[in-house]
Amino acid sequence: MQYLEVIFLLISFVAVLVVAFVVTKNIGRLKSSGQKNMHIIEVLPVAFGQYLYIIEVGGAYHLFSGNKERLVYCTQLEDIEISPPEQVVKEFDKYFNKFIKDKDKE
């Protein structure tokens, strides 16, 4: 009788572990799929550990600055079109220079 109880407990324990593994794996898969409203368009390293991000949120483009500890919203980029890389660099430089000038005024 004791052997049957021990075998039942071992089988139950293994079954619970398998169910937990399968459920955890599927939850991760469900969270990563679906409609996403935010897309990282461009990442530009500025200095060691510091980056500028162009992120599309709901059809509008936004400029963010960030490092390991935090992410800071800079400005919304208006009238930007995604085009060949050299055009994107020119557009980015235009907005970056405008942002620097606005920060110097403050």
PDB file of N, CA and C in Angstrom:
ATOM      1  N   MET A   1       0.805  -1.193   0.000  1.00  0.00           N
ATOM      2  CA  MET A   1       0.000   0.000   0.000  1.00  0.00           C
ATOM      3  C   MET A   1       0.853   1.264   0.000  1.00  0.00           C
ATOM      4  N   GLN A   2       1.921   1.279   0.794  1.00  0.00           N
ATOM      5  CA  GLN A   2       2.784   2.450   0.849  1.00  0.00           C
ATOM      6  C   GLN A   2       3.498   2.668  -0.482  1.00  0.00           C
ATOM      7  N   TYR A   3       3.873   1.595  -1.132  1.00  0.00           N
ATOM      8  CA  TYR A   3       4.567   1.719  -2.411  1.00  0.00           C
ATOM      9  C   TYR A   3       3.655   2.357  -3.459  1.00  0.00           C
ATOM     10  N   LEU A   4       2.405   1.982  -3.434  1.00  0.00           N
ATOM     11  CA  LEU A   4       1.451   2.551  -4.385  1.00  0.00           C
ATOM     12  C   LEU A   4       1.257   4.049  -4.147  1.00  0.00           C
ATOM     13  N   GLU A   5       1.235   4.458  -2.877  1.00  0.00           N
ATOM     14  CA  GLU A   5       1.083   5.876  -2.551  1.00  0.00           C
ATOM     15  C   GLU A   5       2.307   6.670  -3.017  1.00  0.00           C
ATOM     16  N   VAL A   6       3.488   6.132  -2.797  1.00  0.00           N
ATOM     17  CA  VAL A   6       4.721   6.814  -3.211  1.00  0.00           C
ATOM     18  C   VAL A   6       4.781   6.919  -4.738  1.00  0.00           C
ATOM     19  N   ILE A   7       4.446   5.850  -5.418  1.00  0.00           N
ATOM     20  CA  ILE A   7       4.446   5.864  -6.892  1.00  0.00           C
ATOM     21  C   ILE A   7       3.404   6.861  -7.399  1.00  0.00           C
ATOM     22  N   PHE A   8       2.219   6.886  -6.786  1.00  0.00           N
ATOM     23  CA  PHE A   8       1.181   7.835  -7.185  1.00  0.00           C
ATOM     24  C   PHE A   8       1.650   9.275  -6.975  1.00  0.00           C
ATOM     25  N   LEU A   9       2.300   9.543  -5.832  1.00  0.00           N
ATOM     26  CA  LEU A   9       2.803  10.892  -5.556  1.00  0.00           C
ATOM     27  C   LEU A   9       3.884  11.294  -6.557  1.00  0.00           C
ATOM     28  N   LEU A  10       4.784  10.383  -6.899  1.00  0.00           N
ATOM     29  CA  LEU A  10       5.828  10.693  -7.887  1.00  0.00           C
ATOM     30  C   LEU A  10       5.236  10.976  -9.257  1.00  0.00           C
ATOM     31  N   ILE A  11       4.282  10.156  -9.663  1.00  0.00           N
ATOM     32  CA  ILE A  11       3.635  10.372 -10.957  1.00  0.00           C
ATOM     33  C   ILE A  11       2.866  11.702 -10.957  1.00  0.00           C
ATOM     34  N   SER A  12       2.193  12.004  -9.860  1.00  0.00           N
ATOM     35  CA  SER A  12       1.460  13.273  -9.746  1.00  0.00           C
ATOM     36  C   SER A  12       2.411  14.461  -9.808  1.00  0.00           C
ATOM     37  N   PHE A  13       3.554  14.359  -9.126  1.00  0.00           N
ATOM     38  CA  PHE A  13       4.541  15.433  -9.122  1.00  0.00           C
ATOM     39  C   PHE A  13       5.082  15.688 -10.531  1.00  0.00           C
ATOM     40  N   VAL A  14       5.436  14.625 -11.238  1.00  0.00           N
ATOM     41  CA  VAL A  14       5.934  14.757 -12.608  1.00  0.00           C
ATOM     42  C   VAL A  14       4.848  15.345 -13.508  1.00  0.00           C
ATOM     43  N   ALA A  15       3.609  14.930 -13.331  1.00  0.00           N
ATOM     44  CA  ALA A  15       2.503  15.453 -14.141  1.00  0.00           C
ATOM     45  C   ALA A  15       2.316  16.953 -13.895  1.00  0.00           C
ATOM     46  N   VAL A  16       2.390  17.371 -12.639  1.00  0.00           N
ATOM     47  CA  VAL A  16       2.260  18.797 -12.322  1.00  0.00           C
ATOM     48  C   VAL A  16       3.403  19.592 -12.951  1.00  0.00           C
ATOM     49  N   LEU A  17       4.621  19.063 -12.901  1.00  0.00           N
ATOM     50  CA  LEU A  17       5.757  19.745 -13.530  1.00  0.00           C
ATOM     51  C   LEU A  17       5.563  19.877 -15.036  1.00  0.00           C
ATOM     52  N   VAL A  18       5.100  18.835 -15.690  1.00  0.00           N
ATOM     53  CA  VAL A  18       4.878  18.873 -17.143  1.00  0.00           C
ATOM     54  C   VAL A  18       3.792  19.884 -17.486  1.00  0.00           C
ATOM     55  N   VAL A  19       2.693  19.873 -16.738  1.00  0.00           N
ATOM     56  CA  VAL A  19       1.607  20.827 -16.996  1.00  0.00           C
ATOM     57  C   VAL A  19       2.097  22.264 -16.774  1.00  0.00           C
ATOM     58  N   ALA A  20       2.857  22.506 -15.713  1.00  0.00           N
ATOM     59  CA  ALA A  20       3.386  23.849 -15.446  1.00  0.00           C
ATOM     60  C   ALA A  20       4.308  24.299 -16.579  1.00  0.00           C
ATOM     61  N   PHE A  21       5.141  23.401 -17.077  1.00  0.00           N
ATOM     62  CA  PHE A  21       6.053  23.732 -18.171  1.00  0.00           C
ATOM     63  C   PHE A  21       5.287  24.098 -19.440  1.00  0.00           C
ATOM     64  N   VAL A  22       4.300  23.283 -19.787  1.00  0.00           N
ATOM     65  CA  VAL A  22       3.524  23.526 -21.010  1.00  0.00           C
ATOM     66  C   VAL A  22       2.740  24.833 -20.903  1.00  0.00           C
ATOM     67  N   VAL A  23       2.112  25.080 -19.755  1.00  0.00           N
ATOM     68  CA  VAL A  23       1.332  26.307 -19.577  1.00  0.00           C
ATOM     69  C   VAL A  23       2.244  27.529 -19.629  1.00  0.00           C
ATOM     70  N   THR A  24       3.390  27.478 -18.985  1.00  0.00           N
ATOM     71  CA  THR A  24       4.327  28.598 -18.994  1.00  0.00           C
ATOM     72  C   THR A  24       4.818  28.891 -20.404  1.00  0.00           C
ATOM     73  N   LYS A  25       5.142  27.866 -21.144  1.00  0.00           N
ATOM     74  CA  LYS A  25       5.617  28.056 -22.517  1.00  0.00           C
ATOM     75  C   LYS A  25       4.531  28.674 -23.389  1.00  0.00           C
ATOM     76  N   ASN A  26       3.297  28.235 -23.250  1.00  0.00           N
ATOM     77  CA  ASN A  26       2.201  28.775 -24.050  1.00  0.00           C
ATOM     78  C   ASN A  26       1.826  30.193 -23.652  1.00  0.00           C
ATOM     79  N   ILE A  27       1.929  30.545 -22.382  1.00  0.00           N
ATOM     80  CA  ILE A  27       1.647  31.916 -21.954  1.00  0.00           C
ATOM     81  C   ILE A  27       2.648  32.871 -22.594  1.00  0.00           C
ATOM     82  N   GLY A  28       3.913  32.514 -22.618  1.00  0.00           N
ATOM     83  CA  GLY A  28       4.916  33.348 -23.281  1.00  0.00           C
ATOM     84  C   GLY A  28       4.646  33.504 -24.755  1.00  0.00           C
ATOM     85  N   ARG A  29       4.211  32.453 -25.390  1.00  0.00           N
ATOM     86  CA  ARG A  29       3.906  32.504 -26.821  1.00  0.00           C
ATOM     87  C   ARG A  29       2.679  33.375 -27.080  1.00  0.00           C
ATOM     88  N   LEU A  30       1.665  33.297 -26.221  1.00  0.00           N
ATOM     89  CA  LEU A  30       0.459  34.096 -26.399  1.00  0.00           C
ATOM     90  C   LEU A  30       0.724  35.579 -26.210  1.00  0.00           C
ATOM     91  N   LYS A  31       1.567  35.927 -25.252  1.00  0.00           N
ATOM     92  CA  LYS A  31       1.876  37.336 -25.014  1.00  0.00           C
ATOM     93  C   LYS A  31       2.677  37.942 -26.161  1.00  0.00           C
ATOM     94  N   SER A  32       3.526  37.160 -26.809  1.00  0.00           N
ATOM     95  CA  SER A  32       4.369  37.706 -27.867  1.00  0.00           C
ATOM     96  C   SER A  32       3.652  37.795 -29.204  1.00  0.00           C
ATOM     97  N   SER A  33       2.538  37.093 -29.359  1.00  0.00           N
ATOM     98  CA  SER A  33       1.823  37.152 -30.628  1.00  0.00           C
ATOM     99  C   SER A  33       0.702  38.181 -30.537  1.00  0.00           C
ATOM    100  N   GLY A  34       0.124  38.478 -31.684  1.00  0.00           N
ATOM    101  CA  GLY A  34      -0.991  39.413 -31.711  1.00  0.00           C
ATOM    102  C   GLY A  34      -0.608  40.719 -32.372  1.00  0.00           C
ATOM    103  N   GLN A  35      -1.534  41.650 -32.328  1.00  0.00           N
ATOM    104  CA  GLN A  35      -1.351  42.956 -32.962  1.00  0.00           C
ATOM    105  C   GLN A  35      -0.477  43.831 -32.081  1.00  0.00           C
ATOM    106  N   LYS A  36       0.563  44.396 -32.658  1.00  0.00           N
ATOM    107  CA  LYS A  36       1.443  45.295 -31.922  1.00  0.00           C
ATOM    108  C   LYS A  36       1.280  46.697 -32.478  1.00  0.00           C
ATOM    109  N   ASN A  37       1.228  47.671 -31.598  1.00  0.00           N
ATOM    110  CA  ASN A  37       1.027  49.053 -32.004  1.00  0.00           C
ATOM    111  C   ASN A  37       2.315  49.861 -31.989  1.00  0.00           C
ATOM    112  N   MET A  38       3.387  49.290 -31.455  1.00  0.00           N
ATOM    113  CA  MET A  38       4.653  50.008 -31.383  1.00  0.00           C
ATOM    114  C   MET A  38       5.729  49.217 -32.120  1.00  0.00           C
ATOM    115  N   HIS A  39       6.540  49.941 -32.898  1.00  0.00           N
ATOM    116  CA  HIS A  39       7.629  49.319 -33.642  1.00  0.00           C
ATOM    117  C   HIS A  39       8.869  50.205 -33.515  1.00  0.00           C
ATOM    118  N   ILE A  40      10.016  49.593 -33.230  1.00  0.00           N
ATOM    119  CA  ILE A  40      11.276  50.337 -33.223  1.00  0.00           C
ATOM    120  C   ILE A  40      11.731  50.442 -34.667  1.00  0.00           C
ATOM    121  N   ILE A  41      11.834  51.673 -35.162  1.00  0.00           N
ATOM    122  CA  ILE A  41      12.201  51.917 -36.549  1.00  0.00           C
ATOM    123  C   ILE A  41      13.716  52.017 -36.696  1.00  0.00           C
ATOM    124  N   GLU A  42      14.356  52.759 -35.814  1.00  0.00           N
ATOM    125  CA  GLU A  42      15.789  53.018 -35.944  1.00  0.00           C
ATOM    126  C   GLU A  42      16.403  53.158 -34.553  1.00  0.00           C
ATOM    127  N   VAL A  43      17.604  52.641 -34.380  1.00  0.00           N
ATOM    128  CA  VAL A  43      18.371  52.802 -33.143  1.00  0.00           C
ATOM    129  C   VAL A  43      19.726  53.360 -33.527  1.00  0.00           C
ATOM    130  N   LEU A  44      20.098  54.480 -32.917  1.00  0.00           N
ATOM    131  CA  LEU A  44      21.375  55.126 -33.227  1.00  0.00           C
ATOM    132  C   LEU A  44      22.206  55.231 -31.957  1.00  0.00           C
ATOM    133  N   PRO A  45      23.363  54.553 -31.896  1.00  0.00           N
ATOM    134  CA  PRO A  45      24.226  54.719 -30.718  1.00  0.00           C
ATOM    135  C   PRO A  45      24.879  56.100 -30.747  1.00  0.00           C
ATOM    136  N   VAL A  46      24.758  56.833 -29.642  1.00  0.00           N
ATOM    137  CA  VAL A  46      25.308  58.180 -29.555  1.00  0.00           C
ATOM    138  C   VAL A  46      26.635  58.165 -28.802  1.00  0.00           C
ATOM    139  N   ALA A  47      26.669  57.482 -27.682  1.00  0.00           N
ATOM    140  CA  ALA A  47      27.870  57.342 -26.872  1.00  0.00           C
ATOM    141  C   ALA A  47      27.823  55.947 -26.258  1.00  0.00           C
ATOM    142  N   PHE A  48      28.828  55.636 -25.463  1.00  0.00           N
ATOM    143  CA  PHE A  48      28.861  54.309 -24.844  1.00  0.00           C
ATOM    144  C   PHE A  48      27.648  54.134 -23.945  1.00  0.00           C
ATOM    145  N   GLY A  49      26.778  53.204 -24.308  1.00  0.00           N
ATOM    146  CA  GLY A  49      25.601  52.914 -23.515  1.00  0.00           C
ATOM    147  C   GLY A  49      24.446  53.885 -23.688  1.00  0.00           C
ATOM    148  N   GLN A  50      24.555  54.843 -24.621  1.00  0.00           N
ATOM    149  CA  GLN A  50      23.486  55.814 -24.854  1.00  0.00           C
ATOM    150  C   GLN A  50      23.006  55.691 -26.296  1.00  0.00           C
ATOM    151  N   TYR A  51      21.691  55.698 -26.465  1.00  0.00           N
ATOM    152  CA  TYR A  51      21.105  55.464 -27.779  1.00  0.00           C
ATOM    153  C   TYR A  51      19.969  56.441 -28.035  1.00  0.00           C
ATOM    154  N   LEU A  52      19.718  56.699 -29.308  1.00  0.00           N
ATOM    155  CA  LEU A  52      18.532  57.418 -29.747  1.00  0.00           C
ATOM    156  C   LEU A  52      17.651  56.429 -30.501  1.00  0.00           C
ATOM    157  N   TYR A  53      16.355  56.483 -30.236  1.00  0.00           N
ATOM    158  CA  TYR A  53      15.415  55.557 -30.844  1.00  0.00           C
ATOM    159  C   TYR A  53      14.349  56.335 -31.607  1.00  0.00           C
ATOM    160  N   ILE A  54      14.013  55.879 -32.792  1.00  0.00           N
ATOM    161  CA  ILE A  54      12.823  56.345 -33.486  1.00  0.00           C
ATOM    162  C   ILE A  54      11.825  55.202 -33.377  1.00  0.00           C
ATOM    163  N   ILE A  55      10.686  55.497 -32.742  1.00  0.00           N
ATOM    164  CA  ILE A  55       9.673  54.478 -32.485  1.00  0.00           C
ATOM    165  C   ILE A  55       8.369  54.924 -33.119  1.00  0.00           C
ATOM    166  N   GLU A  56       7.740  54.005 -33.863  1.00  0.00           N
ATOM    167  CA  GLU A  56       6.435  54.291 -34.452  1.00  0.00           C
ATOM    168  C   GLU A  56       5.357  53.811 -33.484  1.00  0.00           C
ATOM    169  N   VAL A  57       4.482  54.738 -33.096  1.00  0.00           N
ATOM    170  CA  VAL A  57       3.385  54.420 -32.193  1.00  0.00           C
ATOM    171  C   VAL A  57       2.098  54.880 -32.864  1.00  0.00           C
ATOM    172  N   GLY A  58       1.289  53.944 -33.289  1.00  0.00           N
ATOM    173  CA  GLY A  58       0.009  54.278 -33.888  1.00  0.00           C
ATOM    174  C   GLY A  58       0.102  55.144 -35.119  1.00  0.00           C
ATOM    175  N   GLY A  59       1.121  54.982 -35.929  1.00  0.00           N
ATOM    176  CA  GLY A  59       1.264  55.760 -37.160  1.00  0.00           C
ATOM    177  C   GLY A  59       2.071  57.032 -36.994  1.00  0.00           C
ATOM    178  N   ALA A  60       2.370  57.459 -35.778  1.00  0.00           N
ATOM    179  CA  ALA A  60       3.188  58.650 -35.539  1.00  0.00           C
ATOM    180  C   ALA A  60       4.576  58.207 -35.086  1.00  0.00           C
ATOM    181  N   TYR A  61       5.577  58.991 -35.433  1.00  0.00           N
ATOM    182  CA  TYR A  61       6.958  58.672 -35.079  1.00  0.00           C
ATOM    183  C   TYR A  61       7.400  59.545 -33.920  1.00  0.00           C
ATOM    184  N   HIS A  62       8.101  58.919 -32.958  1.00  0.00           N
ATOM    185  CA  HIS A  62       8.556  59.619 -31.766  1.00  0.00           C
ATOM    186  C   HIS A  62      10.042  59.359 -31.573  1.00  0.00           C
ATOM    187  N   LEU A  63      10.741  60.363 -31.038  1.00  0.00           N
ATOM    188  CA  LEU A  63      12.169  60.263 -30.758  1.00  0.00           C
ATOM    189  C   LEU A  63      12.353  60.045 -29.259  1.00  0.00           C
ATOM    190  N   PHE A  64      13.099  59.000 -28.907  1.00  0.00           N
ATOM    191  CA  PHE A  64      13.404  58.682 -27.517  1.00  0.00           C
ATOM    192  C   PHE A  64      14.917  58.635 -27.349  1.00  0.00           C
ATOM    193  N   SER A  65      15.372  58.956 -26.150  1.00  0.00           N
ATOM    194  CA  SER A  65      16.768  58.829 -25.781  1.00  0.00           C
ATOM    195  C   SER A  65      16.831  57.849 -24.622  1.00  0.00           C
ATOM    196  N   GLY A  66      17.853  56.986 -24.609  1.00  0.00           N
ATOM    197  CA  GLY A  66      17.876  56.015 -23.534  1.00  0.00           C
ATOM    198  C   GLY A  66      19.232  55.419 -23.257  1.00  0.00           C
ATOM    199  N   ASN A  67      19.334  54.828 -22.078  1.00  0.00           N
ATOM    200  CA  ASN A  67      20.500  54.049 -21.683  1.00  0.00           C
ATOM    201  C   ASN A  67      19.986  52.837 -20.910  1.00  0.00           C
ATOM    202  N   LYS A  68      20.846  52.184 -20.138  1.00  0.00           N
ATOM    203  CA  LYS A  68      20.425  50.977 -19.427  1.00  0.00           C
ATOM    204  C   LYS A  68      19.389  51.262 -18.348  1.00  0.00           C
ATOM    205  N   GLU A  69      19.455  52.398 -17.713  1.00  0.00           N
ATOM    206  CA  GLU A  69      18.591  52.688 -16.581  1.00  0.00           C
ATOM    207  C   GLU A  69      17.245  53.283 -16.962  1.00  0.00           C
ATOM    208  N   ARG A  70      17.191  54.092 -18.023  1.00  0.00           N
ATOM    209  CA  ARG A  70      15.942  54.780 -18.307  1.00  0.00           C
ATOM    210  C   ARG A  70      15.785  55.100 -19.781  1.00  0.00           C
ATOM    211  N   LEU A  71      14.561  55.447 -20.129  1.00  0.00           N
ATOM    212  CA  LEU A  71      14.199  55.853 -21.482  1.00  0.00           C
ATOM    213  C   LEU A  71      13.475  57.182 -21.362  1.00  0.00           C
ATOM    214  N   VAL A  72      13.917  58.183 -22.127  1.00  0.00           N
ATOM    215  CA  VAL A  72      13.373  59.534 -22.018  1.00  0.00           C
ATOM    216  C   VAL A  72      12.717  59.916 -23.332  1.00  0.00           C
ATOM    217  N   TYR A  73      11.488  60.425 -23.255  1.00  0.00           N
ATOM    218  CA  TYR A  73      10.779  60.899 -24.439  1.00  0.00           C
ATOM    219  C   TYR A  73      11.351  62.253 -24.833  1.00  0.00           C
ATOM    220  N   CYS A  74      11.696  62.421 -26.113  1.00  0.00           N
ATOM    221  CA  CYS A  74      12.254  63.687 -26.577  1.00  0.00           C
ATOM    222  C   CYS A  74      11.205  64.519 -27.315  1.00  0.00           C
ATOM    223  N   THR A  75      10.726  64.015 -28.444  1.00  0.00           N
ATOM    224  CA  THR A  75       9.771  64.787 -29.235  1.00  0.00           C
ATOM    225  C   THR A  75       9.065  63.881 -30.235  1.00  0.00           C
ATOM    226  N   GLN A  76       7.987  64.412 -30.803  1.00  0.00           N
ATOM    227  CA  GLN A  76       7.312  63.707 -31.887  1.00  0.00           C
ATOM    228  C   GLN A  76       7.903  64.192 -33.198  1.00  0.00           C
ATOM    229  N   LEU A  77       8.197  63.262 -34.071  1.00  0.00           N
ATOM    230  CA  LEU A  77       8.751  63.590 -35.375  1.00  0.00           C
ATOM    231  C   LEU A  77       7.584  63.741 -36.346  1.00  0.00           C
ATOM    232  N   GLU A  78       7.452  64.912 -36.911  1.00  0.00           N
ATOM    233  CA  GLU A  78       6.339  65.174 -37.815  1.00  0.00           C
ATOM    234  C   GLU A  78       6.813  65.132 -39.258  1.00  0.00           C
ATOM    235  N   ASP A  79       5.931  64.697 -40.126  1.00  0.00           N
ATOM    236  CA  ASP A  79       6.187  64.660 -41.575  1.00  0.00           C
ATOM    237  C   ASP A  79       7.425  63.860 -41.936  1.00  0.00           C
ATOM    238  N   ILE A  80       7.668  62.779 -41.241  1.00  0.00           N
ATOM    239  CA  ILE A  80       8.821  61.936 -41.568  1.00  0.00           C
ATOM    240  C   ILE A  80       8.335  60.779 -42.433  1.00  0.00           C
ATOM    241  N   GLU A  81       9.112  60.447 -43.418  1.00  0.00           N
ATOM    242  CA  GLU A  81       8.805  59.319 -44.291  1.00  0.00           C
ATOM    243  C   GLU A  81       9.952  58.327 -44.211  1.00  0.00           C
ATOM    244  N   ILE A  82       9.617  57.068 -44.148  1.00  0.00           N
ATOM    245  CA  ILE A  82      10.651  56.043 -44.140  1.00  0.00           C
ATOM    246  C   ILE A  82      11.072  55.821 -45.583  1.00  0.00           C
ATOM    247  N   SER A  83      12.330  56.048 -45.836  1.00  0.00           N
ATOM    248  CA  SER A  83      12.866  55.963 -47.183  1.00  0.00           C
ATOM    249  C   SER A  83      14.255  55.340 -47.128  1.00  0.00           C
ATOM    250  N   PRO A  84      15.011  55.386 -48.223  1.00  0.00           N
ATOM    251  CA  PRO A  84      16.359  54.793 -48.196  1.00  0.00           C
ATOM    252  C   PRO A  84      17.201  55.347 -47.048  1.00  0.00           C
ATOM    253  N   PRO A  85      18.182  54.579 -46.580  1.00  0.00           N
ATOM    254  CA  PRO A  85      18.955  54.953 -45.391  1.00  0.00           C
ATOM    255  C   PRO A  85      19.566  56.352 -45.424  1.00  0.00           C
ATOM    256  N   GLU A  86      20.077  56.797 -46.565  1.00  0.00           N
ATOM    257  CA  GLU A  86      20.701  58.126 -46.589  1.00  0.00           C
ATOM    258  C   GLU A  86      19.673  59.227 -46.362  1.00  0.00           C
ATOM    259  N   GLN A  87      18.448  59.030 -46.834  1.00  0.00           N
ATOM    260  CA  GLN A  87      17.395  60.012 -46.605  1.00  0.00           C
ATOM    261  C   GLN A  87      16.977  60.013 -45.140  1.00  0.00           C
ATOM    262  N   VAL A  88      16.935  58.843 -44.530  1.00  0.00           N
ATOM    263  CA  VAL A  88      16.581  58.747 -43.114  1.00  0.00           C
ATOM    264  C   VAL A  88      17.624  59.470 -42.275  1.00  0.00           C
ATOM    265  N   VAL A  89      18.889  59.333 -42.628  1.00  0.00           N
ATOM    266  CA  VAL A  89      19.956  60.002 -41.883  1.00  0.00           C
ATOM    267  C   VAL A  89      19.803  61.510 -41.989  1.00  0.00           C
ATOM    268  N   LYS A  90      19.477  62.032 -43.162  1.00  0.00           N
ATOM    269  CA  LYS A  90      19.289  63.476 -43.329  1.00  0.00           C
ATOM    270  C   LYS A  90      18.112  63.962 -42.488  1.00  0.00           C
ATOM    271  N   GLU A  91      16.996  63.223 -42.531  1.00  0.00           N
ATOM    272  CA  GLU A  91      15.823  63.594 -41.736  1.00  0.00           C
ATOM    273  C   GLU A  91      16.143  63.538 -40.249  1.00  0.00           C
ATOM    274  N   PHE A  92      16.849  62.501 -39.834  1.00  0.00           N
ATOM    275  CA  PHE A  92      17.203  62.345 -38.430  1.00  0.00           C
ATOM    276  C   PHE A  92      18.108  63.484 -37.980  1.00  0.00           C
ATOM    277  N   ASP A  93      19.103  63.837 -38.800  1.00  0.00           N
ATOM    278  CA  ASP A  93      20.000  64.946 -38.459  1.00  0.00           C
ATOM    279  C   ASP A  93      19.228  66.247 -38.305  1.00  0.00           C
ATOM    280  N   LYS A  94      18.241  66.467 -39.172  1.00  0.00           N
ATOM    281  CA  LYS A  94      17.443  67.686 -39.095  1.00  0.00           C
ATOM    282  C   LYS A  94      16.713  67.747 -37.756  1.00  0.00           C
ATOM    283  N   TYR A  95      16.049  66.677 -37.368  1.00  0.00           N
ATOM    284  CA  TYR A  95      15.313  66.663 -36.107  1.00  0.00           C
ATOM    285  C   TYR A  95      16.249  66.662 -34.902  1.00  0.00           C
ATOM    286  N   PHE A  96      17.375  65.994 -35.012  1.00  0.00           N
ATOM    287  CA  PHE A  96      18.327  65.963 -33.904  1.00  0.00           C
ATOM    288  C   PHE A  96      18.898  67.356 -33.654  1.00  0.00           C
ATOM    289  N   ASN A  97      19.273  68.057 -34.713  1.00  0.00           N
ATOM    290  CA  ASN A  97      19.800  69.418 -34.566  1.00  0.00           C
ATOM    291  C   ASN A  97      18.743  70.350 -33.975  1.00  0.00           C
ATOM    292  N   LYS A  98      17.493  70.195 -34.416  1.00  0.00           N
ATOM    293  CA  LYS A  98      16.407  70.995 -33.860  1.00  0.00           C
ATOM    294  C   LYS A  98      16.238  70.699 -32.376  1.00  0.00           C
ATOM    295  N   PHE A  99      16.327  69.434 -32.007  1.00  0.00           N
ATOM    296  CA  PHE A  99      16.196  69.047 -30.606  1.00  0.00           C
ATOM    297  C   PHE A  99      17.322  69.638 -29.761  1.00  0.00           C
ATOM    298  N   ILE A 100      18.550  69.609 -30.269  1.00  0.00           N
ATOM    299  CA  ILE A 100      19.697  70.166 -29.536  1.00  0.00           C
ATOM    300  C   ILE A 100      19.524  71.674 -29.352  1.00  0.00           C
ATOM    301  N   LYS A 101      19.070  72.364 -30.393  1.00  0.00           N
ATOM    302  CA  LYS A 101      18.861  73.802 -30.290  1.00  0.00           C
ATOM    303  C   LYS A 101      17.775  74.124 -29.270  1.00  0.00           C
ATOM    304  N   ASP A 102      16.698  73.328 -29.257  1.00  0.00           N
ATOM    305  CA  ASP A 102      15.625  73.551 -28.279  1.00  0.00           C
ATOM    306  C   ASP A 102      16.120  73.305 -26.868  1.00  0.00           C
ATOM    307  N   LYS A 103      16.967  72.310 -26.668  1.00  0.00           N
ATOM    308  CA  LYS A 103      17.503  72.030 -25.322  1.00  0.00           C
ATOM    309  C   LYS A 103      18.437  73.143 -24.868  1.00  0.00           C
ATOM    310  N   ASP A 104      19.202  73.736 -25.806  1.00  0.00           N
ATOM    311  CA  ASP A 104      20.116  74.828 -25.440  1.00  0.00           C
ATOM    312  C   ASP A 104      19.350  76.074 -25.006  1.00  0.00           C
ATOM    313  N   LYS A 105      18.154  76.292 -25.572  1.00  0.00           N
ATOM    314  CA  LYS A 105      17.356  77.443 -25.203  1.00  0.00           C
ATOM    315  C   LYS A 105      16.833  77.338 -23.781  1.00  0.00           C
ATOM    316  N   GLU A 106      16.625  76.100 -23.317  1.00  0.00           N
ATOM    317  CA  GLU A 106      16.090  75.894 -21.952  1.00  0.00           C
ATOM    318  C   GLU A 106      17.137  76.124 -20.951  1.00  0.00           C
TER     319      GLU A 106
END
